[in-house]
Amino acid sequence: MLRAMVFTMAAIMVGGSAAAAEPDGDPIARGGAIYREHCASCHGAEAQGAPNWEEPNAAGELPPPPHGPEGHTWRHSDDELRHMIAKGWRDPFNRTQRLTMPAFGAILSDAEIAAVIAYLKTLWTDEQRAFQARRNAEKNAGETPR
């Protein structure tokens, strides 16, 4: 119940309505379905990331990371995650200049992106969710996150 209330507030804040964000009534399930459709081909069906995700590949690019506890997605604020999903991402350590994560802003609505982020949060530990919540609070307060 609390997860649904939090997601509903997040969906409204990004310009969607709760109804638009939750067509099946469960924002986490909706986010999981969107993840499987658009993200799993690179990040894995179980969000396990690509093999050797911490090592640059032959092109000098870091492969897609996992989104669970062993990854680092939880270290980013919601705004950072929203930006990466909507605009794409090029890891600053990559030797190439291309976006290694494509932009989904033209494919996914703000409410769908919020649903994916809500789903990703279910993959993290309680401690990681607490850290990420602090990142959100610090970003919203204009502080430099720790």
C-alpha atoms as a PDB file:
ATOM      1  CA  MET A   1       0.000   0.000   0.000  1.00  0.00           C
ATOM      2  CA  LEU A   2       2.777   2.454   0.902  1.00  0.00           C
ATOM      3  CA  ARG A   3       4.627   1.614  -2.336  1.00  0.00           C
ATOM      4  CA  ALA A   4       1.513   2.391  -4.363  1.00  0.00           C
ATOM      5  CA  MET A   5       0.998   5.707  -2.548  1.00  0.00           C
ATOM      6  CA  VAL A   6       4.640   6.715  -3.054  1.00  0.00           C
ATOM      7  CA  PHE A   7       4.495   5.810  -6.717  1.00  0.00           C
ATOM      8  CA  THR A   8       1.216   7.652  -7.228  1.00  0.00           C
ATOM      9  CA  MET A   9       2.787  10.801  -5.795  1.00  0.00           C
ATOM     10  CA  ALA A  10       5.868  10.322  -8.002  1.00  0.00           C
ATOM     11  CA  ALA A  11       3.733   9.833 -11.100  1.00  0.00           C
ATOM     12  CA  ILE A  12       1.762  12.992 -10.419  1.00  0.00           C
ATOM     13  CA  MET A  13       4.989  14.949  -9.777  1.00  0.00           C
ATOM     14  CA  VAL A  14       6.414  13.997 -13.180  1.00  0.00           C
ATOM     15  CA  GLY A  15       3.315  15.195 -14.956  1.00  0.00           C
ATOM     16  CA  GLY A  16       1.294  12.029 -15.211  1.00  0.00           C
ATOM     17  CA  SER A  17      -1.784  10.911 -13.442  1.00  0.00           C
ATOM     18  CA  ALA A  18      -2.039   7.917 -11.196  1.00  0.00           C
ATOM     19  CA  ALA A  19      -4.452   6.325 -13.649  1.00  0.00           C
ATOM     20  CA  ALA A  20      -2.079   6.848 -16.576  1.00  0.00           C
ATOM     21  CA  ALA A  21       0.852   5.512 -14.580  1.00  0.00           C
ATOM     22  CA  GLU A  22      -0.987   2.446 -13.298  1.00  0.00           C
ATOM     23  CA  PRO A  23      -3.133   1.026 -16.094  1.00  0.00           C
ATOM     24  CA  ASP A  24      -3.108  -2.383 -14.436  1.00  0.00           C
ATOM     25  CA  GLY A  25      -3.448  -1.015 -10.891  1.00  0.00           C
ATOM     26  CA  ASP A  26       0.067  -1.993  -9.785  1.00  0.00           C
ATOM     27  CA  PRO A  27       2.823   0.506 -10.613  1.00  0.00           C
ATOM     28  CA  ILE A  28       5.591  -1.939  -9.663  1.00  0.00           C
ATOM     29  CA  ALA A  29       4.194  -4.611 -11.990  1.00  0.00           C
ATOM     30  CA  ARG A  30       3.803  -2.003 -14.732  1.00  0.00           C
ATOM     31  CA  GLY A  31       7.415  -0.885 -14.256  1.00  0.00           C
ATOM     32  CA  GLY A  32       8.568  -4.505 -14.383  1.00  0.00           C
ATOM     33  CA  ALA A  33       6.694  -5.071 -17.632  1.00  0.00           C
ATOM     34  CA  ILE A  34       8.203  -1.931 -19.170  1.00  0.00           C
ATOM     35  CA  TYR A  35      11.649  -3.001 -17.921  1.00  0.00           C
ATOM     36  CA  ARG A  36      11.282  -6.438 -19.534  1.00  0.00           C
ATOM     37  CA  GLU A  37      10.138  -4.878 -22.820  1.00  0.00           C
ATOM     38  CA  HIS A  38      12.738  -2.108 -23.122  1.00  0.00           C
ATOM     39  CA  CYS A  39      15.641  -2.761 -20.715  1.00  0.00           C
ATOM     40  CA  ALA A  40      16.098  -6.504 -20.216  1.00  0.00           C
ATOM     41  CA  SER A  41      17.739  -7.096 -23.599  1.00  0.00           C
ATOM     42  CA  CYS A  42      20.808  -5.197 -22.323  1.00  0.00           C
ATOM     43  CA  HIS A  43      20.560  -5.261 -18.517  1.00  0.00           C
ATOM     44  CA  GLY A  44      19.254  -8.837 -18.264  1.00  0.00           C
ATOM     45  CA  ALA A  45      15.875 -10.393 -17.561  1.00  0.00           C
ATOM     46  CA  GLU A  46      16.732 -10.527 -13.863  1.00  0.00           C
ATOM     47  CA  ALA A  47      18.501  -7.121 -13.973  1.00  0.00           C
ATOM     48  CA  GLN A  48      21.802  -9.000 -13.575  1.00  0.00           C
ATOM     49  CA  GLY A  49      23.691  -6.811 -16.067  1.00  0.00           C
ATOM     50  CA  ALA A  50      26.010  -7.958 -18.805  1.00  0.00           C
ATOM     51  CA  PRO A  51      28.817 -10.404 -18.065  1.00  0.00           C
ATOM     52  CA  ASN A  52      31.996  -8.627 -16.962  1.00  0.00           C
ATOM     53  CA  TRP A  53      30.068  -5.381 -16.616  1.00  0.00           C
ATOM     54  CA  GLU A  54      32.891  -3.756 -14.632  1.00  0.00           C
ATOM     55  CA  GLU A  55      35.489  -4.308 -17.382  1.00  0.00           C
ATOM     56  CA  PRO A  56      35.628  -2.332 -20.645  1.00  0.00           C
ATOM     57  CA  ASN A  57      34.859  -4.416 -23.723  1.00  0.00           C
ATOM     58  CA  ALA A  58      36.941  -4.491 -26.933  1.00  0.00           C
ATOM     59  CA  ALA A  59      35.500  -1.099 -27.976  1.00  0.00           C
ATOM     60  CA  GLY A  60      36.523   0.439 -24.642  1.00  0.00           C
ATOM     61  CA  GLU A  61      32.954   0.703 -23.360  1.00  0.00           C
ATOM     62  CA  LEU A  62      31.640  -0.526 -20.038  1.00  0.00           C
ATOM     63  CA  PRO A  63      28.839  -3.071 -20.588  1.00  0.00           C
ATOM     64  CA  PRO A  64      25.389  -2.538 -19.045  1.00  0.00           C
ATOM     65  CA  PRO A  65      25.527  -2.821 -15.239  1.00  0.00           C
ATOM     66  CA  PRO A  66      23.159  -4.813 -13.035  1.00  0.00           C
ATOM     67  CA  HIS A  67      20.346  -2.947 -11.339  1.00  0.00           C
ATOM     68  CA  GLY A  68      20.214  -5.066  -8.196  1.00  0.00           C
ATOM     69  CA  PRO A  69      22.253  -4.764  -4.992  1.00  0.00           C
ATOM     70  CA  GLU A  70      25.538  -5.650  -6.704  1.00  0.00           C
ATOM     71  CA  GLY A  71      25.236  -2.753  -9.162  1.00  0.00           C
ATOM     72  CA  HIS A  72      25.274   0.987  -8.584  1.00  0.00           C
ATOM     73  CA  THR A  73      21.871   2.151  -9.835  1.00  0.00           C
ATOM     74  CA  TRP A  74      20.798   2.757  -6.242  1.00  0.00           C
ATOM     75  CA  ARG A  75      23.500   5.421  -5.878  1.00  0.00           C
ATOM     76  CA  HIS A  76      21.673   7.726  -8.317  1.00  0.00           C
ATOM     77  CA  SER A  77      18.794  10.046  -7.437  1.00  0.00           C
ATOM     78  CA  ASP A  78      15.437   9.669  -9.139  1.00  0.00           C
ATOM     79  CA  ASP A  79      16.216  12.779 -11.216  1.00  0.00           C
ATOM     80  CA  GLU A  80      19.521  11.280 -12.377  1.00  0.00           C
ATOM     81  CA  LEU A  81      17.854   7.976 -13.250  1.00  0.00           C
ATOM     82  CA  ARG A  82      15.014   9.766 -15.047  1.00  0.00           C
ATOM     83  CA  HIS A  83      17.568  11.765 -17.066  1.00  0.00           C
ATOM     84  CA  MET A  84      19.606   8.659 -17.976  1.00  0.00           C
ATOM     85  CA  ILE A  85      16.524   6.771 -19.109  1.00  0.00           C
ATOM     86  CA  ALA A  86      15.019   9.680 -21.047  1.00  0.00           C
ATOM     87  CA  LYS A  87      18.194  11.130 -22.592  1.00  0.00           C
ATOM     88  CA  GLY A  88      20.456   8.072 -22.728  1.00  0.00           C
ATOM     89  CA  TRP A  89      23.848   7.660 -21.143  1.00  0.00           C
ATOM     90  CA  ARG A  90      27.490   7.513 -22.087  1.00  0.00           C
ATOM     91  CA  ASP A  91      29.668   6.346 -19.230  1.00  0.00           C
ATOM     92  CA  PRO A  92      32.420   8.956 -18.763  1.00  0.00           C
ATOM     93  CA  PHE A  93      34.984   6.141 -18.550  1.00  0.00           C
ATOM     94  CA  ASN A  94      34.140   4.874 -22.042  1.00  0.00           C
ATOM     95  CA  ARG A  95      36.708   5.462 -24.783  1.00  0.00           C
ATOM     96  CA  THR A  96      33.979   5.968 -27.392  1.00  0.00           C
ATOM     97  CA  GLN A  97      31.686   8.982 -27.588  1.00  0.00           C
ATOM     98  CA  ARG A  98      28.465   7.150 -28.423  1.00  0.00           C
ATOM     99  CA  LEU A  99      25.558   6.780 -26.037  1.00  0.00           C
ATOM    100  CA  THR A 100      25.972   3.252 -24.758  1.00  0.00           C
ATOM    101  CA  MET A 101      22.507   3.414 -23.226  1.00  0.00           C
ATOM    102  CA  PRO A 102      19.967   4.650 -25.758  1.00  0.00           C
ATOM    103  CA  ALA A 103      17.519   7.434 -24.972  1.00  0.00           C
ATOM    104  CA  PHE A 104      13.984   6.278 -24.234  1.00  0.00           C
ATOM    105  CA  GLY A 105      12.354   9.713 -23.804  1.00  0.00           C
ATOM    106  CA  ALA A 106      10.663   9.511 -27.206  1.00  0.00           C
ATOM    107  CA  ILE A 107       9.403   5.975 -26.468  1.00  0.00           C
ATOM    108  CA  LEU A 108       8.402   6.096 -22.784  1.00  0.00           C
ATOM    109  CA  SER A 109       6.203   8.662 -21.070  1.00  0.00           C
ATOM    110  CA  ASP A 110       7.276  10.342 -17.842  1.00  0.00           C
ATOM    111  CA  ALA A 111       4.849   8.075 -15.979  1.00  0.00           C
ATOM    112  CA  GLU A 112       6.346   4.966 -17.603  1.00  0.00           C
ATOM    113  CA  ILE A 113       9.866   6.090 -16.688  1.00  0.00           C
ATOM    114  CA  ALA A 114       8.682   6.676 -13.111  1.00  0.00           C
ATOM    115  CA  ALA A 115       7.223   3.138 -13.109  1.00  0.00           C
ATOM    116  CA  VAL A 116      10.549   1.666 -14.225  1.00  0.00           C
ATOM    117  CA  ILE A 117      12.355   3.558 -11.464  1.00  0.00           C
ATOM    118  CA  ALA A 118       9.785   2.324  -8.925  1.00  0.00           C
ATOM    119  CA  TYR A 119      10.393  -1.237 -10.147  1.00  0.00           C
ATOM    120  CA  LEU A 120      14.189  -0.872  -9.921  1.00  0.00           C
ATOM    121  CA  LYS A 121      13.854   0.201  -6.292  1.00  0.00           C
ATOM    122  CA  THR A 122      12.307  -3.185  -5.484  1.00  0.00           C
ATOM    123  CA  LEU A 123      15.601  -4.826  -6.483  1.00  0.00           C
ATOM    124  CA  TRP A 124      17.662  -2.986  -3.850  1.00  0.00           C
ATOM    125  CA  THR A 125      18.296  -3.733  -0.194  1.00  0.00           C
ATOM    126  CA  ASP A 126      16.600  -1.674   2.516  1.00  0.00           C
ATOM    127  CA  GLU A 127      19.909   0.091   3.142  1.00  0.00           C
ATOM    128  CA  GLN A 128      20.311   0.928  -0.544  1.00  0.00           C
ATOM    129  CA  ARG A 129      16.746   2.296  -0.750  1.00  0.00           C
ATOM    130  CA  ALA A 130      17.477   4.442   2.318  1.00  0.00           C
ATOM    131  CA  PHE A 131      20.706   5.745   0.744  1.00  0.00           C
ATOM    132  CA  GLN A 132      18.852   6.552  -2.478  1.00  0.00           C
ATOM    133  CA  ALA A 133      16.074   8.309  -0.554  1.00  0.00           C
ATOM    134  CA  ARG A 134      18.737  10.493   1.087  1.00  0.00           C
ATOM    135  CA  ARG A 135      20.167  11.264  -2.377  1.00  0.00           C
ATOM    136  CA  ASN A 136      16.714  12.389  -3.486  1.00  0.00           C
ATOM    137  CA  ALA A 137      16.261  14.561  -0.397  1.00  0.00           C
ATOM    138  CA  GLU A 138      19.704  16.125  -0.788  1.00  0.00           C
ATOM    139  CA  LYS A 139      19.158  16.791  -4.507  1.00  0.00           C
ATOM    140  CA  ASN A 140      15.782  18.366  -3.766  1.00  0.00           C
ATOM    141  CA  ALA A 141      17.348  20.524  -1.050  1.00  0.00           C
ATOM    142  CA  GLY A 142      20.165  21.562  -3.390  1.00  0.00           C
ATOM    143  CA  GLU A 143      22.879  19.866  -1.338  1.00  0.00           C
ATOM    144  CA  THR A 144      25.788  17.890  -2.696  1.00  0.00           C
ATOM    145  CA  PRO A 145      24.967  14.216  -2.054  1.00  0.00           C
ATOM    146  CA  ARG A 146      27.404  12.149   0.000  1.00  0.00           C
END
